[in-house]
Amino acid sequence: MDIPPIAFEKISLQEAKEILDARDNEGKPKQDWHEKRRPINPHDLKLLPATYKWIASFPREVQPRQLALGFPRIANNLACVWTDKAVCDQMLDGLIMDDRGSRQGFPQAIAAEIMALKTFLNEGALKLDQS
């Protein structure tokens, strides 16, 4: 019994992503996340003193400076939860992965800083476990 070959069409990675995203979103109503967001607080627009200290506590190559400039609310939130590894890890995962299916994503420099924070958080935990 001969099995006929399967024909594949070559497409780019971007085209494949668009097809899969469209397939995942079929039949799902688009949610308006703007209505679900909490109102902007004046503290969301500037770094808190504790956040400056948090940033300064990192080695220079890990300091999330672009994140702090572009998204002070997120930097403030990370500074608040940094000492709780599980909560911080979950928050970083939420920033890295789009669970809504409609996020624009961070600029490259900020995405790299978020990944560096996640790596630093996890490596620090590994060092503590090995002690």
N, C-alpha and C. Protein backbone atom coordinates (compact mmCIF):
# COMPACT_ATOMS: atom_id res chain seq x y z
N MET A 1 0.85 -1.18 0.00
CA MET A 1 0.00 0.00 0.00
C MET A 1 0.89 1.24 0.00
N ASP A 2 0.79 2.01 -1.05
CA ASP A 2 1.59 3.23 -1.17
C ASP A 2 0.81 4.41 -0.61
N ILE A 3 1.50 5.17 0.21
CA ILE A 3 0.89 6.38 0.77
C ILE A 3 1.34 7.54 -0.10
N PRO A 4 0.37 8.30 -0.62
CA PRO A 4 0.75 9.43 -1.47
C PRO A 4 1.48 10.50 -0.65
N PRO A 5 2.42 11.18 -1.26
CA PRO A 5 3.14 12.24 -0.53
C PRO A 5 2.19 13.39 -0.19
N ILE A 6 2.51 14.04 0.89
CA ILE A 6 1.72 15.20 1.32
C ILE A 6 2.36 16.44 0.72
N ALA A 7 1.54 17.24 0.06
CA ALA A 7 2.05 18.47 -0.54
C ALA A 7 2.00 19.59 0.49
N PHE A 8 3.09 20.31 0.62
CA PHE A 8 3.16 21.44 1.53
C PHE A 8 3.41 22.71 0.73
N GLU A 9 2.78 23.76 1.18
CA GLU A 9 2.99 25.06 0.57
C GLU A 9 3.97 25.83 1.44
N LYS A 10 5.01 26.37 0.86
CA LYS A 10 5.97 27.14 1.62
C LYS A 10 5.39 28.52 1.90
N ILE A 11 5.42 28.88 3.19
CA ILE A 11 4.97 30.21 3.60
C ILE A 11 5.96 30.75 4.61
N SER A 12 5.90 32.05 4.80
CA SER A 12 6.81 32.67 5.77
C SER A 12 6.31 32.43 7.19
N LEU A 13 7.19 32.64 8.13
CA LEU A 13 6.82 32.51 9.54
C LEU A 13 5.70 33.49 9.90
N GLN A 14 5.78 34.71 9.38
CA GLN A 14 4.77 35.72 9.64
C GLN A 14 3.41 35.28 9.11
N GLU A 15 3.38 34.71 7.90
CA GLU A 15 2.12 34.23 7.33
C GLU A 15 1.54 33.10 8.17
N ALA A 16 2.40 32.20 8.63
CA ALA A 16 1.93 31.09 9.48
C ALA A 16 1.34 31.61 10.77
N LYS A 17 2.01 32.60 11.37
CA LYS A 17 1.51 33.20 12.61
C LYS A 17 0.15 33.84 12.39
N GLU A 18 -0.01 34.58 11.31
CA GLU A 18 -1.29 35.22 11.01
C GLU A 18 -2.40 34.19 10.82
N ILE A 19 -2.09 33.10 10.14
CA ILE A 19 -3.09 32.05 9.92
C ILE A 19 -3.49 31.41 11.25
N LEU A 20 -2.50 31.09 12.08
CA LEU A 20 -2.80 30.47 13.37
C LEU A 20 -3.56 31.43 14.29
N ASP A 21 -3.15 32.70 14.30
CA ASP A 21 -3.85 33.69 15.11
C ASP A 21 -5.31 33.83 14.67
N ALA A 22 -5.53 33.86 13.36
CA ALA A 22 -6.90 33.98 12.84
C ALA A 22 -7.71 32.75 13.23
N ARG A 23 -7.09 31.59 13.16
CA ARG A 23 -7.77 30.34 13.51
C ARG A 23 -8.12 30.32 15.00
N ASP A 24 -7.19 30.81 15.85
CA ASP A 24 -7.43 30.85 17.29
C ASP A 24 -8.54 31.83 17.66
N ASN A 25 -8.67 32.91 16.89
CA ASN A 25 -9.64 33.95 17.22
C ASN A 25 -10.98 33.77 16.53
N GLU A 26 -11.13 32.72 15.71
CA GLU A 26 -12.40 32.50 15.02
C GLU A 26 -13.53 32.27 16.03
N GLY A 27 -14.59 32.97 15.84
CA GLY A 27 -15.77 32.80 16.67
C GLY A 27 -15.67 33.44 18.04
N LYS A 28 -14.52 33.99 18.38
CA LYS A 28 -14.37 34.64 19.67
C LYS A 28 -14.70 36.12 19.50
N PRO A 29 -15.58 36.63 20.32
CA PRO A 29 -15.85 38.07 20.22
C PRO A 29 -14.62 38.84 20.70
N LYS A 30 -14.32 39.92 20.01
CA LYS A 30 -13.20 40.75 20.43
C LYS A 30 -13.58 41.50 21.69
N GLN A 31 -12.70 41.44 22.67
CA GLN A 31 -12.96 42.14 23.92
C GLN A 31 -12.36 43.53 23.86
N ASP A 32 -13.06 44.46 24.44
CA ASP A 32 -12.55 45.81 24.54
C ASP A 32 -11.88 45.94 25.91
N TRP A 33 -10.56 45.81 25.94
CA TRP A 33 -9.82 45.84 27.20
C TRP A 33 -9.75 47.23 27.79
N HIS A 34 -10.02 48.25 26.99
CA HIS A 34 -9.98 49.62 27.52
C HIS A 34 -11.01 49.82 28.62
N GLU A 35 -12.16 49.18 28.47
CA GLU A 35 -13.21 49.32 29.48
C GLU A 35 -12.87 48.58 30.76
N LYS A 36 -12.02 47.55 30.67
CA LYS A 36 -11.68 46.74 31.83
C LYS A 36 -10.50 47.29 32.62
N ARG A 37 -9.77 48.21 32.03
CA ARG A 37 -8.63 48.79 32.72
C ARG A 37 -9.10 49.71 33.84
N ARG A 38 -8.28 49.75 34.87
CA ARG A 38 -8.60 50.68 35.95
C ARG A 38 -8.25 52.10 35.50
N PRO A 39 -8.88 53.09 36.08
CA PRO A 39 -8.57 54.47 35.69
C PRO A 39 -7.11 54.79 35.97
N ILE A 40 -6.54 55.68 35.17
CA ILE A 40 -5.14 56.06 35.35
C ILE A 40 -5.01 56.90 36.60
N ASN A 41 -4.08 56.50 37.43
CA ASN A 41 -3.76 57.19 38.66
C ASN A 41 -2.54 58.07 38.38
N PRO A 42 -2.46 59.26 38.95
CA PRO A 42 -1.27 60.10 38.71
C PRO A 42 0.04 59.39 39.04
N HIS A 43 0.00 58.46 40.00
CA HIS A 43 1.21 57.70 40.36
C HIS A 43 1.63 56.74 39.25
N ASP A 44 0.71 56.44 38.33
CA ASP A 44 1.03 55.54 37.22
C ASP A 44 1.95 56.21 36.20
N LEU A 45 2.03 57.51 36.24
CA LEU A 45 2.76 58.26 35.21
C LEU A 45 4.18 58.64 35.63
N LYS A 46 4.56 58.32 36.87
CA LYS A 46 5.91 58.64 37.32
C LYS A 46 6.43 57.52 38.22
N LEU A 47 7.74 57.42 38.28
CA LEU A 47 8.35 56.40 39.12
C LEU A 47 8.26 56.79 40.58
N LEU A 48 7.99 55.81 41.40
CA LEU A 48 7.95 56.01 42.84
C LEU A 48 9.37 55.95 43.39
N PRO A 49 9.64 56.59 44.53
CA PRO A 49 10.99 56.54 45.11
C PRO A 49 11.49 55.10 45.32
N ALA A 50 10.61 54.21 45.73
CA ALA A 50 11.01 52.81 45.93
C ALA A 50 11.42 52.16 44.62
N THR A 51 10.83 52.60 43.51
CA THR A 51 11.18 52.03 42.21
C THR A 51 12.57 52.47 41.79
N TYR A 52 12.93 53.72 42.08
CA TYR A 52 14.30 54.16 41.79
C TYR A 52 15.31 53.31 42.55
N LYS A 53 15.01 53.02 43.82
CA LYS A 53 15.91 52.19 44.63
C LYS A 53 15.97 50.77 44.08
N TRP A 54 14.84 50.25 43.65
CA TRP A 54 14.78 48.90 43.08
C TRP A 54 15.66 48.82 41.83
N ILE A 55 15.53 49.79 40.94
CA ILE A 55 16.33 49.81 39.71
C ILE A 55 17.82 49.89 40.05
N ALA A 56 18.17 50.74 41.00
CA ALA A 56 19.57 50.92 41.38
C ALA A 56 20.16 49.66 42.03
N SER A 57 19.31 48.77 42.53
CA SER A 57 19.80 47.56 43.20
C SER A 57 20.33 46.51 42.23
N PHE A 58 20.06 46.67 40.95
CA PHE A 58 20.48 45.70 39.94
C PHE A 58 21.86 46.03 39.39
N PRO A 59 22.55 45.01 38.89
CA PRO A 59 23.75 45.32 38.10
C PRO A 59 23.34 46.18 36.91
N ARG A 60 24.23 47.01 36.45
CA ARG A 60 23.91 47.97 35.38
C ARG A 60 23.29 47.31 34.15
N GLU A 61 23.78 46.12 33.76
CA GLU A 61 23.28 45.47 32.55
C GLU A 61 21.87 44.91 32.71
N VAL A 62 21.35 44.88 33.92
CA VAL A 62 20.00 44.35 34.16
C VAL A 62 19.00 45.46 34.47
N GLN A 63 19.48 46.63 34.77
CA GLN A 63 18.58 47.73 35.16
C GLN A 63 17.56 48.03 34.06
N PRO A 64 16.28 48.00 34.39
CA PRO A 64 15.23 48.24 33.39
C PRO A 64 14.96 49.73 33.16
N ARG A 65 15.92 50.41 32.61
CA ARG A 65 15.81 51.87 32.43
C ARG A 65 14.77 52.25 31.38
N GLN A 66 14.77 51.57 30.24
CA GLN A 66 13.81 51.89 29.18
C GLN A 66 12.38 51.57 29.63
N LEU A 67 12.22 50.48 30.35
CA LEU A 67 10.91 50.12 30.89
C LEU A 67 10.42 51.21 31.83
N ALA A 68 11.32 51.69 32.69
CA ALA A 68 10.95 52.73 33.66
C ALA A 68 10.55 54.03 32.95
N LEU A 69 11.27 54.37 31.88
CA LEU A 69 10.95 55.59 31.14
C LEU A 69 9.64 55.46 30.36
N GLY A 70 9.46 54.32 29.71
CA GLY A 70 8.29 54.16 28.85
C GLY A 70 7.03 53.68 29.56
N PHE A 71 7.21 52.89 30.61
CA PHE A 71 6.07 52.29 31.30
C PHE A 71 6.28 52.35 32.81
N PRO A 72 6.24 53.55 33.40
CA PRO A 72 6.51 53.67 34.83
C PRO A 72 5.56 52.85 35.71
N ARG A 73 4.31 52.72 35.29
CA ARG A 73 3.35 51.93 36.08
C ARG A 73 3.82 50.49 36.21
N ILE A 74 4.29 49.92 35.11
CA ILE A 74 4.75 48.54 35.14
C ILE A 74 6.01 48.42 36.00
N ALA A 75 6.93 49.37 35.87
CA ALA A 75 8.14 49.35 36.69
C ALA A 75 7.78 49.46 38.17
N ASN A 76 6.84 50.34 38.51
CA ASN A 76 6.40 50.47 39.91
C ASN A 76 5.81 49.16 40.42
N ASN A 77 4.99 48.52 39.59
CA ASN A 77 4.37 47.26 40.01
C ASN A 77 5.41 46.16 40.20
N LEU A 78 6.37 46.08 39.28
CA LEU A 78 7.43 45.08 39.42
C LEU A 78 8.25 45.32 40.68
N ALA A 79 8.55 46.57 40.95
CA ALA A 79 9.32 46.90 42.16
C ALA A 79 8.57 46.44 43.41
N CYS A 80 7.26 46.58 43.40
CA CYS A 80 6.45 46.20 44.56
C CYS A 80 6.42 44.69 44.78
N VAL A 81 6.45 43.91 43.71
CA VAL A 81 6.30 42.46 43.85
C VAL A 81 7.62 41.70 43.72
N TRP A 82 8.72 42.40 43.51
CA TRP A 82 9.99 41.75 43.23
C TRP A 82 10.40 40.73 44.30
N THR A 83 10.12 41.01 45.56
CA THR A 83 10.55 40.11 46.63
C THR A 83 9.70 38.84 46.72
N ASP A 84 8.57 38.81 46.04
CA ASP A 84 7.73 37.61 45.99
C ASP A 84 7.96 36.95 44.63
N LYS A 85 8.89 35.98 44.60
CA LYS A 85 9.32 35.39 43.34
C LYS A 85 8.18 34.85 42.51
N ALA A 86 7.24 34.14 43.13
CA ALA A 86 6.14 33.52 42.38
C ALA A 86 5.27 34.59 41.71
N VAL A 87 4.92 35.62 42.45
CA VAL A 87 4.08 36.69 41.91
C VAL A 87 4.83 37.45 40.82
N CYS A 88 6.09 37.74 41.07
CA CYS A 88 6.89 38.48 40.10
C CYS A 88 7.08 37.67 38.82
N ASP A 89 7.36 36.38 38.97
CA ASP A 89 7.54 35.52 37.81
C ASP A 89 6.26 35.47 36.97
N GLN A 90 5.12 35.39 37.65
CA GLN A 90 3.83 35.38 36.94
C GLN A 90 3.59 36.71 36.22
N MET A 91 3.95 37.80 36.87
CA MET A 91 3.77 39.12 36.24
C MET A 91 4.68 39.26 35.02
N LEU A 92 5.92 38.82 35.14
CA LEU A 92 6.85 38.90 34.00
C LEU A 92 6.35 38.02 32.85
N ASP A 93 5.84 36.83 33.17
CA ASP A 93 5.28 35.96 32.12
C ASP A 93 4.13 36.66 31.41
N GLY A 94 3.29 37.35 32.18
CA GLY A 94 2.17 38.07 31.58
C GLY A 94 2.61 39.20 30.67
N LEU A 95 3.76 39.78 30.97
CA LEU A 95 4.29 40.84 30.11
C LEU A 95 4.92 40.27 28.85
N ILE A 96 5.50 39.08 28.98
CA ILE A 96 6.19 38.46 27.85
C ILE A 96 5.22 37.82 26.86
N MET A 97 4.22 37.12 27.39
CA MET A 97 3.29 36.38 26.53
C MET A 97 1.95 37.09 26.44
N ASP A 98 1.42 37.16 25.24
CA ASP A 98 0.14 37.81 24.99
C ASP A 98 -0.99 36.82 25.21
N ASP A 99 -1.62 36.88 26.36
CA ASP A 99 -2.73 35.97 26.65
C ASP A 99 -4.07 36.52 26.15
N ARG A 100 -4.07 37.74 25.68
CA ARG A 100 -5.30 38.34 25.16
C ARG A 100 -5.44 38.14 23.65
N GLY A 101 -4.32 37.97 22.97
CA GLY A 101 -4.34 37.79 21.54
C GLY A 101 -4.41 39.07 20.74
N SER A 102 -4.30 40.20 21.42
CA SER A 102 -4.44 41.46 20.69
C SER A 102 -3.45 42.52 21.13
N ARG A 103 -2.48 42.14 21.94
CA ARG A 103 -1.53 43.13 22.42
C ARG A 103 -0.53 43.50 21.33
N GLN A 104 -0.11 44.73 21.38
CA GLN A 104 0.82 45.26 20.40
C GLN A 104 2.25 44.78 20.68
N GLY A 105 2.57 44.57 21.91
CA GLY A 105 3.93 44.16 22.27
C GLY A 105 4.78 45.36 22.63
N PHE A 106 5.88 45.08 23.30
CA PHE A 106 6.79 46.14 23.73
C PHE A 106 7.83 46.40 22.65
N PRO A 107 8.38 47.61 22.64
CA PRO A 107 9.53 47.85 21.77
C PRO A 107 10.66 46.88 22.13
N GLN A 108 11.53 46.60 21.18
CA GLN A 108 12.59 45.60 21.35
C GLN A 108 13.43 45.83 22.60
N ALA A 109 13.85 47.07 22.85
CA ALA A 109 14.72 47.36 24.00
C ALA A 109 14.02 47.03 25.31
N ILE A 110 12.73 47.34 25.40
CA ILE A 110 11.98 47.08 26.63
C ILE A 110 11.71 45.58 26.78
N ALA A 111 11.40 44.91 25.69
CA ALA A 111 11.20 43.46 25.75
C ALA A 111 12.48 42.77 26.22
N ALA A 112 13.63 43.25 25.76
CA ALA A 112 14.91 42.67 26.19
C ALA A 112 15.14 42.90 27.68
N GLU A 113 14.75 44.07 28.18
CA GLU A 113 14.90 44.34 29.61
C GLU A 113 14.00 43.43 30.44
N ILE A 114 12.79 43.20 29.97
CA ILE A 114 11.87 42.31 30.69
C ILE A 114 12.44 40.89 30.73
N MET A 115 12.98 40.44 29.62
CA MET A 115 13.59 39.11 29.58
C MET A 115 14.81 39.04 30.51
N ALA A 116 15.59 40.11 30.55
CA ALA A 116 16.76 40.15 31.45
C ALA A 116 16.32 40.09 32.90
N LEU A 117 15.24 40.77 33.25
CA LEU A 117 14.72 40.72 34.62
C LEU A 117 14.27 39.30 34.96
N LYS A 118 13.58 38.65 34.03
CA LYS A 118 13.10 37.29 34.28
C LYS A 118 14.28 36.35 34.48
N THR A 119 15.29 36.47 33.64
CA THR A 119 16.48 35.63 33.77
C THR A 119 17.17 35.90 35.11
N PHE A 120 17.31 37.15 35.46
CA PHE A 120 17.96 37.53 36.72
C PHE A 120 17.17 36.98 37.91
N LEU A 121 15.86 37.10 37.86
CA LEU A 121 15.01 36.59 38.94
C LEU A 121 15.19 35.08 39.09
N ASN A 122 15.17 34.36 37.99
CA ASN A 122 15.27 32.90 38.04
C ASN A 122 16.68 32.43 38.40
N GLU A 123 17.71 33.11 37.90
CA GLU A 123 19.08 32.73 38.24
C GLU A 123 19.36 33.00 39.71
N GLY A 124 18.82 34.10 40.22
CA GLY A 124 18.99 34.41 41.64
C GLY A 124 18.36 33.35 42.51
N ALA A 125 17.19 32.86 42.10
CA ALA A 125 16.50 31.81 42.85
C ALA A 125 17.31 30.52 42.79
N LEU A 126 17.92 30.22 41.62
CA LEU A 126 18.74 29.01 41.50
C LEU A 126 19.94 29.09 42.42
N LYS A 127 20.58 30.24 42.52
CA LYS A 127 21.74 30.40 43.39
C LYS A 127 21.35 30.17 44.85
N LEU A 128 20.15 30.65 45.23
CA LEU A 128 19.69 30.44 46.60
C LEU A 128 19.42 28.97 46.87
N ASP A 129 18.85 28.26 45.88
CA ASP A 129 18.54 26.85 46.04
C ASP A 129 19.81 26.02 46.17
N GLN A 130 20.90 26.44 45.53
CA GLN A 130 22.14 25.67 45.57
C GLN A 130 22.95 25.91 46.85
N SER A 131 22.60 26.94 47.58
CA SER A 131 23.34 27.26 48.81
C SER A 131 23.10 26.24 49.89
